[in-house]
Amino acid sequence: MSTVIGIDFGTSTTEAAVIREGKPVMLLNFEQQEITPSAVGIDNSGNYVIGERAKAQYLLFPENTAIEIKRKIGTEERI
């Protein structure tokens, strides 16, 4: 039997779930949370950071971090 995953790429958050024994079960991120902020960035070492870490980095380094990308779709703004 195949596994079906449902993903909600929201403007502010992202969530994912699978069906197990006929019921939806939320998947956890690396921080063991069901909800992940829709944020991505590059840290001082050049590594990608995502979720809570990227959202926190945005306060200090907004030029290296992108949040709420869906709001920018269709605009002239470059990411």
PDB file of N, CA and C in Angstrom:
ATOM      1  N   MET A   1       0.839  -1.184   0.000  1.00  0.00           N
ATOM      2  CA  MET A   1       0.000   0.000   0.000  1.00  0.00           C
ATOM      3  C   MET A   1       0.880   1.241   0.000  1.00  0.00           C
ATOM      4  N   SER A   2       0.538   2.221  -0.816  1.00  0.00           N
ATOM      5  CA  SER A   2       1.332   3.444  -0.894  1.00  0.00           C
ATOM      6  C   SER A   2       0.936   4.426   0.204  1.00  0.00           C
ATOM      7  N   THR A   3       1.850   5.320   0.512  1.00  0.00           N
ATOM      8  CA  THR A   3       1.606   6.350   1.508  1.00  0.00           C
ATOM      9  C   THR A   3       1.305   7.653   0.802  1.00  0.00           C
ATOM     10  N   VAL A   4       0.277   8.322   1.250  1.00  0.00           N
ATOM     11  CA  VAL A   4      -0.095   9.622   0.697  1.00  0.00           C
ATOM     12  C   VAL A   4       0.251  10.676   1.735  1.00  0.00           C
ATOM     13  N   ILE A   5       0.927  11.737   1.294  1.00  0.00           N
ATOM     14  CA  ILE A   5       1.270  12.837   2.184  1.00  0.00           C
ATOM     15  C   ILE A   5       0.543  14.090   1.707  1.00  0.00           C
ATOM     16  N   GLY A   6      -0.025  14.807   2.644  1.00  0.00           N
ATOM     17  CA  GLY A   6      -0.660  16.081   2.341  1.00  0.00           C
ATOM     18  C   GLY A   6       0.191  17.201   2.904  1.00  0.00           C
ATOM     19  N   ILE A   7       0.487  18.192   2.095  1.00  0.00           N
ATOM     20  CA  ILE A   7       1.333  19.298   2.523  1.00  0.00           C
ATOM     21  C   ILE A   7       0.590  20.608   2.316  1.00  0.00           C
ATOM     22  N   ASP A   8       0.588  21.435   3.331  1.00  0.00           N
ATOM     23  CA  ASP A   8       0.009  22.779   3.233  1.00  0.00           C
ATOM     24  C   ASP A   8       1.158  23.775   3.240  1.00  0.00           C
ATOM     25  N   PHE A   9       1.493  24.296   2.059  1.00  0.00           N
ATOM     26  CA  PHE A   9       2.503  25.342   1.959  1.00  0.00           C
ATOM     27  C   PHE A   9       1.807  26.671   2.178  1.00  0.00           C
ATOM     28  N   GLY A  10       1.688  27.066   3.418  1.00  0.00           N
ATOM     29  CA  GLY A  10       0.986  28.303   3.739  1.00  0.00           C
ATOM     30  C   GLY A  10       1.879  29.517   3.599  1.00  0.00           C
ATOM     31  N   THR A  11       1.273  30.665   3.634  1.00  0.00           N
ATOM     32  CA  THR A  11       2.022  31.917   3.536  1.00  0.00           C
ATOM     33  C   THR A  11       2.944  32.097   4.737  1.00  0.00           C
ATOM     34  N   SER A  12       2.444  31.801   5.914  1.00  0.00           N
ATOM     35  CA  SER A  12       3.221  31.998   7.139  1.00  0.00           C
ATOM     36  C   SER A  12       3.788  30.709   7.705  1.00  0.00           C
ATOM     37  N   THR A  13       3.078  29.585   7.501  1.00  0.00           N
ATOM     38  CA  THR A  13       3.518  28.308   8.058  1.00  0.00           C
ATOM     39  C   THR A  13       3.320  27.191   7.051  1.00  0.00           C
ATOM     40  N   THR A  14       4.001  26.071   7.310  1.00  0.00           N
ATOM     41  CA  THR A  14       3.893  24.875   6.486  1.00  0.00           C
ATOM     42  C   THR A  14       3.633  23.683   7.403  1.00  0.00           C
ATOM     43  N   GLU A  15       2.710  22.821   6.984  1.00  0.00           N
ATOM     44  CA  GLU A  15       2.400  21.626   7.746  1.00  0.00           C
ATOM     45  C   GLU A  15       2.299  20.448   6.789  1.00  0.00           C
ATOM     46  N   ALA A  16       2.494  19.224   7.331  1.00  0.00           N
ATOM     47  CA  ALA A  16       2.366  18.013   6.514  1.00  0.00           C
ATOM     48  C   ALA A  16       1.741  16.907   7.359  1.00  0.00           C
ATOM     49  N   ALA A  17       0.981  16.031   6.689  1.00  0.00           N
ATOM     50  CA  ALA A  17       0.332  14.916   7.374  1.00  0.00           C
ATOM     51  C   ALA A  17       0.249  13.714   6.445  1.00  0.00           C
ATOM     52  N   VAL A  18       0.116  12.529   7.039  1.00  0.00           N
ATOM     53  CA  VAL A  18      -0.119  11.289   6.308  1.00  0.00           C
ATOM     54  C   VAL A  18      -1.359  10.623   6.898  1.00  0.00           C
ATOM     55  N   ILE A  19      -1.916   9.697   6.164  1.00  0.00           N
ATOM     56  CA  ILE A  19      -3.049   8.922   6.662  1.00  0.00           C
ATOM     57  C   ILE A  19      -2.506   7.613   7.226  1.00  0.00           C
ATOM     58  N   ARG A  20      -2.770   7.353   8.502  1.00  0.00           N
ATOM     59  CA  ARG A  20      -2.377   6.100   9.161  1.00  0.00           C
ATOM     60  C   ARG A  20      -3.604   5.505   9.823  1.00  0.00           C
ATOM     61  N   GLU A  21      -3.890   4.276   9.463  1.00  0.00           N
ATOM     62  CA  GLU A  21      -5.055   3.573  10.011  1.00  0.00           C
ATOM     63  C   GLU A  21      -6.334   4.386   9.827  1.00  0.00           C
ATOM     64  N   GLY A  22      -6.430   5.029   8.654  1.00  0.00           N
ATOM     65  CA  GLY A  22      -7.623   5.773   8.301  1.00  0.00           C
ATOM     66  C   GLY A  22      -7.749   7.151   8.914  1.00  0.00           C
ATOM     67  N   LYS A  23      -6.727   7.607   9.641  1.00  0.00           N
ATOM     68  CA  LYS A  23      -6.787   8.921  10.285  1.00  0.00           C
ATOM     69  C   LYS A  23      -5.563   9.756   9.908  1.00  0.00           C
ATOM     70  N   PRO A  24      -5.750  11.085   9.772  1.00  0.00           N
ATOM     71  CA  PRO A  24      -4.593  11.934   9.472  1.00  0.00           C
ATOM     72  C   PRO A  24      -3.682  12.074  10.692  1.00  0.00           C
ATOM     73  N   VAL A  25      -2.390  11.989  10.438  1.00  0.00           N
ATOM     74  CA  VAL A  25      -1.384  12.140  11.487  1.00  0.00           C
ATOM     75  C   VAL A  25      -0.399  13.212  11.035  1.00  0.00           C
ATOM     76  N   MET A  26      -0.265  14.250  11.828  1.00  0.00           N
ATOM     77  CA  MET A  26       0.668  15.329  11.496  1.00  0.00           C
ATOM     78  C   MET A  26       2.103  14.828  11.580  1.00  0.00           C
ATOM     79  N   LEU A  27       2.943  15.261  10.634  1.00  0.00           N
ATOM     80  CA  LEU A  27       4.371  14.946  10.669  1.00  0.00           C
ATOM     81  C   LEU A  27       5.107  16.033  11.433  1.00  0.00           C
ATOM     82  N   LEU A  28       6.151  15.650  12.129  1.00  0.00           N
ATOM     83  CA  LEU A  28       6.927  16.601  12.924  1.00  0.00           C
ATOM     84  C   LEU A  28       8.161  17.059  12.154  1.00  0.00           C
ATOM     85  N   ASN A  29       8.577  18.298  12.401  1.00  0.00           N
ATOM     86  CA  ASN A  29       9.792  18.823  11.785  1.00  0.00           C
ATOM     87  C   ASN A  29      11.006  18.455  12.653  1.00  0.00           C
ATOM     88  N   PHE A  30      12.160  19.010  12.329  1.00  0.00           N
ATOM     89  CA  PHE A  30      13.384  18.695  13.065  1.00  0.00           C
ATOM     90  C   PHE A  30      13.330  19.129  14.530  1.00  0.00           C
ATOM     91  N   GLU A  31      12.498  20.107  14.834  1.00  0.00           N
ATOM     92  CA  GLU A  31      12.335  20.568  16.217  1.00  0.00           C
ATOM     93  C   GLU A  31      11.201  19.833  16.930  1.00  0.00           C
ATOM     94  N   GLN A  32      10.677  18.790  16.291  1.00  0.00           N
ATOM     95  CA  GLN A  32       9.581  17.981  16.834  1.00  0.00           C
ATOM     96  C   GLN A  32       8.287  18.778  16.992  1.00  0.00           C
ATOM     97  N   GLN A  33       8.079  19.754  16.097  1.00  0.00           N
ATOM     98  CA  GLN A  33       6.869  20.568  16.082  1.00  0.00           C
ATOM     99  C   GLN A  33       6.042  20.219  14.850  1.00  0.00           C
ATOM    100  N   GLU A  34       4.720  20.366  14.941  1.00  0.00           N
ATOM    101  CA  GLU A  34       3.840  20.111  13.807  1.00  0.00           C
ATOM    102  C   GLU A  34       3.833  21.267  12.811  1.00  0.00           C
ATOM    103  N   ILE A  35       4.079  22.471  13.293  1.00  0.00           N
ATOM    104  CA  ILE A  35       4.003  23.663  12.454  1.00  0.00           C
ATOM    105  C   ILE A  35       5.409  24.224  12.238  1.00  0.00           C
ATOM    106  N   THR A  36       5.737  24.489  10.971  1.00  0.00           N
ATOM    107  CA  THR A  36       7.041  25.044  10.614  1.00  0.00           C
ATOM    108  C   THR A  36       6.837  26.405   9.959  1.00  0.00           C
ATOM    109  N   PRO A  37       7.496  27.447  10.463  1.00  0.00           N
ATOM    110  CA  PRO A  37       7.387  28.748   9.792  1.00  0.00           C
ATOM    111  C   PRO A  37       7.876  28.642   8.343  1.00  0.00           C
ATOM    112  N   SER A  38       7.177  29.292   7.426  1.00  0.00           N
ATOM    113  CA  SER A  38       7.576  29.314   6.018  1.00  0.00           C
ATOM    114  C   SER A  38       8.684  30.354   5.854  1.00  0.00           C
ATOM    115  N   ALA A  39       9.889  29.946   6.222  1.00  0.00           N
ATOM    116  CA  ALA A  39      11.045  30.849   6.182  1.00  0.00           C
ATOM    117  C   ALA A  39      12.285  30.053   5.799  1.00  0.00           C
ATOM    118  N   VAL A  40      13.158  30.686   5.021  1.00  0.00           N
ATOM    119  CA  VAL A  40      14.421  30.072   4.627  1.00  0.00           C
ATOM    120  C   VAL A  40      15.485  31.161   4.591  1.00  0.00           C
ATOM    121  N   GLY A  41      16.708  30.793   4.932  1.00  0.00           N
ATOM    122  CA  GLY A  41      17.782  31.777   4.920  1.00  0.00           C
ATOM    123  C   GLY A  41      19.131  31.111   4.735  1.00  0.00           C
ATOM    124  N   ILE A  42      20.151  31.933   4.687  1.00  0.00           N
ATOM    125  CA  ILE A  42      21.531  31.469   4.607  1.00  0.00           C
ATOM    126  C   ILE A  42      22.265  32.071   5.796  1.00  0.00           C
ATOM    127  N   ASP A  43      22.917  31.213   6.605  1.00  0.00           N
ATOM    128  CA  ASP A  43      23.607  31.712   7.793  1.00  0.00           C
ATOM    129  C   ASP A  43      24.991  32.249   7.431  1.00  0.00           C
ATOM    130  N   ASN A  44      25.730  32.694   8.436  1.00  0.00           N
ATOM    131  CA  ASN A  44      27.053  33.291   8.215  1.00  0.00           C
ATOM    132  C   ASN A  44      28.067  32.321   7.617  1.00  0.00           C
ATOM    133  N   SER A  45      27.821  31.016   7.770  1.00  0.00           N
ATOM    134  CA  SER A  45      28.712  30.000   7.210  1.00  0.00           C
ATOM    135  C   SER A  45      28.319  29.584   5.805  1.00  0.00           C
ATOM    136  N   GLY A  46      27.216  30.151   5.285  1.00  0.00           N
ATOM    137  CA  GLY A  46      26.758  29.811   3.945  1.00  0.00           C
ATOM    138  C   GLY A  46      25.821  28.621   3.901  1.00  0.00           C
ATOM    139  N   ASN A  47      25.392  28.146   5.068  1.00  0.00           N
ATOM    140  CA  ASN A  47      24.469  27.015   5.144  1.00  0.00           C
ATOM    141  C   ASN A  47      23.027  27.498   5.129  1.00  0.00           C
ATOM    142  N   TYR A  48      22.144  26.685   4.544  1.00  0.00           N
ATOM    143  CA  TYR A  48      20.721  27.009   4.563  1.00  0.00           C
ATOM    144  C   TYR A  48      20.155  26.756   5.946  1.00  0.00           C
ATOM    145  N   VAL A  49      19.263  27.617   6.376  1.00  0.00           N
ATOM    146  CA  VAL A  49      18.497  27.427   7.604  1.00  0.00           C
ATOM    147  C   VAL A  49      17.022  27.559   7.243  1.00  0.00           C
ATOM    148  N   ILE A  50      16.183  26.789   7.929  1.00  0.00           N
ATOM    149  CA  ILE A  50      14.753  26.804   7.621  1.00  0.00           C
ATOM    150  C   ILE A  50      13.937  26.898   8.902  1.00  0.00           C
ATOM    151  N   GLY A  51      12.676  27.195   8.742  1.00  0.00           N
ATOM    152  CA  GLY A  51      11.739  27.160   9.858  1.00  0.00           C
ATOM    153  C   GLY A  51      12.019  28.189  10.934  1.00  0.00           C
ATOM    154  N   GLU A  52      11.933  27.732  12.192  1.00  0.00           N
ATOM    155  CA  GLU A  52      12.104  28.620  13.348  1.00  0.00           C
ATOM    156  C   GLU A  52      13.456  29.334  13.322  1.00  0.00           C
ATOM    157  N   ARG A  53      14.491  28.599  12.947  1.00  0.00           N
ATOM    158  CA  ARG A  53      15.830  29.193  12.924  1.00  0.00           C
ATOM    159  C   ARG A  53      15.919  30.330  11.911  1.00  0.00           C
ATOM    160  N   ALA A  54      15.340  30.127  10.748  1.00  0.00           N
ATOM    161  CA  ALA A  54      15.343  31.174   9.720  1.00  0.00           C
ATOM    162  C   ALA A  54      14.477  32.357  10.146  1.00  0.00           C
ATOM    163  N   LYS A  55      13.347  32.079  10.762  1.00  0.00           N
ATOM    164  CA  LYS A  55      12.471  33.150  11.222  1.00  0.00           C
ATOM    165  C   LYS A  55      13.182  34.015  12.267  1.00  0.00           C
ATOM    166  N   ALA A  56      13.919  33.378  13.175  1.00  0.00           N
ATOM    167  CA  ALA A  56      14.674  34.117  14.187  1.00  0.00           C
ATOM    168  C   ALA A  56      15.815  34.912  13.542  1.00  0.00           C
ATOM    169  N   GLN A  57      16.464  34.329  12.547  1.00  0.00           N
ATOM    170  CA  GLN A  57      17.560  35.008  11.858  1.00  0.00           C
ATOM    171  C   GLN A  57      17.075  36.251  11.125  1.00  0.00           C
ATOM    172  N   TYR A  58      15.825  36.238  10.658  1.00  0.00           N
ATOM    173  CA  TYR A  58      15.270  37.354   9.909  1.00  0.00           C
ATOM    174  C   TYR A  58      15.355  38.668  10.677  1.00  0.00           C
ATOM    175  N   LEU A  59      15.231  38.618  11.986  1.00  0.00           N
ATOM    176  CA  LEU A  59      15.295  39.834  12.799  1.00  0.00           C
ATOM    177  C   LEU A  59      16.648  40.525  12.702  1.00  0.00           C
ATOM    178  N   LEU A  60      17.728  39.735  12.626  1.00  0.00           N
ATOM    179  CA  LEU A  60      19.077  40.301  12.576  1.00  0.00           C
ATOM    180  C   LEU A  60      19.640  40.421  11.167  1.00  0.00           C
ATOM    181  N   PHE A  61      19.253  39.511  10.274  1.00  0.00           N
ATOM    182  CA  PHE A  61      19.814  39.478   8.925  1.00  0.00           C
ATOM    183  C   PHE A  61      18.718  39.322   7.874  1.00  0.00           C
ATOM    184  N   PRO A  62      17.829  40.307   7.744  1.00  0.00           N
ATOM    185  CA  PRO A  62      16.735  40.174   6.776  1.00  0.00           C
ATOM    186  C   PRO A  62      17.226  40.064   5.334  1.00  0.00           C
ATOM    187  N   GLU A  63      18.420  40.574   5.053  1.00  0.00           N
ATOM    188  CA  GLU A  63      18.950  40.502   3.688  1.00  0.00           C
ATOM    189  C   GLU A  63      19.349  39.073   3.303  1.00  0.00           C
ATOM    190  N   ASN A  64      19.534  38.193   4.294  1.00  0.00           N
ATOM    191  CA  ASN A  64      19.910  36.802   4.037  1.00  0.00           C
ATOM    192  C   ASN A  64      18.776  35.825   4.319  1.00  0.00           C
ATOM    193  N   THR A  65      17.565  36.349   4.501  1.00  0.00           N
ATOM    194  CA  THR A  65      16.441  35.513   4.912  1.00  0.00           C
ATOM    195  C   THR A  65      15.184  35.897   4.137  1.00  0.00           C
ATOM    196  N   ALA A  66      14.417  34.889   3.764  1.00  0.00           N
ATOM    197  CA  ALA A  66      13.148  35.123   3.060  1.00  0.00           C
ATOM    198  C   ALA A  66      12.005  34.539   3.883  1.00  0.00           C
ATOM    199  N   ILE A  67      10.979  35.350   4.097  1.00  0.00           N
ATOM    200  CA  ILE A  67       9.782  34.884   4.788  1.00  0.00           C
ATOM    201  C   ILE A  67       8.560  35.261   3.951  1.00  0.00           C
ATOM    202  N   GLU A  68       7.496  34.527   4.143  1.00  0.00           N
ATOM    203  CA  GLU A  68       6.219  34.806   3.468  1.00  0.00           C
ATOM    204  C   GLU A  68       6.389  35.047   1.970  1.00  0.00           C
ATOM    205  N   ILE A  69       7.098  34.158   1.317  1.00  0.00           N
ATOM    206  CA  ILE A  69       7.397  34.272  -0.110  1.00  0.00           C
ATOM    207  C   ILE A  69       6.128  34.320  -0.954  1.00  0.00           C
ATOM    208  N   LYS A  70       5.084  33.587  -0.528  1.00  0.00           N
ATOM    209  CA  LYS A  70       3.859  33.541  -1.336  1.00  0.00           C
ATOM    210  C   LYS A  70       3.266  34.922  -1.565  1.00  0.00           C
ATOM    211  N   ARG A  71       3.497  35.851  -0.650  1.00  0.00           N
ATOM    212  CA  ARG A  71       2.968  37.207  -0.814  1.00  0.00           C
ATOM    213  C   ARG A  71       3.663  37.942  -1.963  1.00  0.00           C
ATOM    214  N   LYS A  72       4.829  37.444  -2.376  1.00  0.00           N
ATOM    215  CA  LYS A  72       5.614  38.123  -3.408  1.00  0.00           C
ATOM    216  C   LYS A  72       5.431  37.515  -4.792  1.00  0.00           C
ATOM    217  N   ILE A  73       4.702  36.401  -4.881  1.00  0.00           N
ATOM    218  CA  ILE A  73       4.472  35.770  -6.175  1.00  0.00           C
ATOM    219  C   ILE A  73       3.711  36.737  -7.073  1.00  0.00           C
ATOM    220  N   GLY A  74       4.185  36.887  -8.292  1.00  0.00           N
ATOM    221  CA  GLY A  74       3.530  37.778  -9.246  1.00  0.00           C
ATOM    222  C   GLY A  74       3.987  39.225  -9.162  1.00  0.00           C
ATOM    223  N   THR A  75       4.910  39.521  -8.247  1.00  0.00           N
ATOM    224  CA  THR A  75       5.424  40.883  -8.145  1.00  0.00           C
ATOM    225  C   THR A  75       6.770  40.957  -8.865  1.00  0.00           C
ATOM    226  N   GLU A  76       7.300  42.141  -8.970  1.00  0.00           N
ATOM    227  CA  GLU A  76       8.598  42.350  -9.587  1.00  0.00           C
ATOM    228  C   GLU A  76       9.754  42.124  -8.613  1.00  0.00           C
ATOM    229  N   GLU A  77       9.434  41.931  -7.328  1.00  0.00           N
ATOM    230  CA  GLU A  77      10.476  41.798  -6.306  1.00  0.00           C
ATOM    231  C   GLU A  77      11.298  40.548  -6.506  1.00  0.00           C
ATOM    232  N   ARG A  78      12.614  40.695  -6.388  1.00  0.00           N
ATOM    233  CA  ARG A  78      13.538  39.558  -6.507  1.00  0.00           C
ATOM    234  C   ARG A  78      13.869  39.042  -5.129  1.00  0.00           C
ATOM    235  N   ILE A  79      13.969  37.751  -5.033  1.00  0.00           N
ATOM    236  CA  ILE A  79      14.285  37.090  -3.755  1.00  0.00           C
ATOM    237  C   ILE A  79      15.715  36.606  -3.806  1.00  0.00           C
TER     238      ILE A  79
END
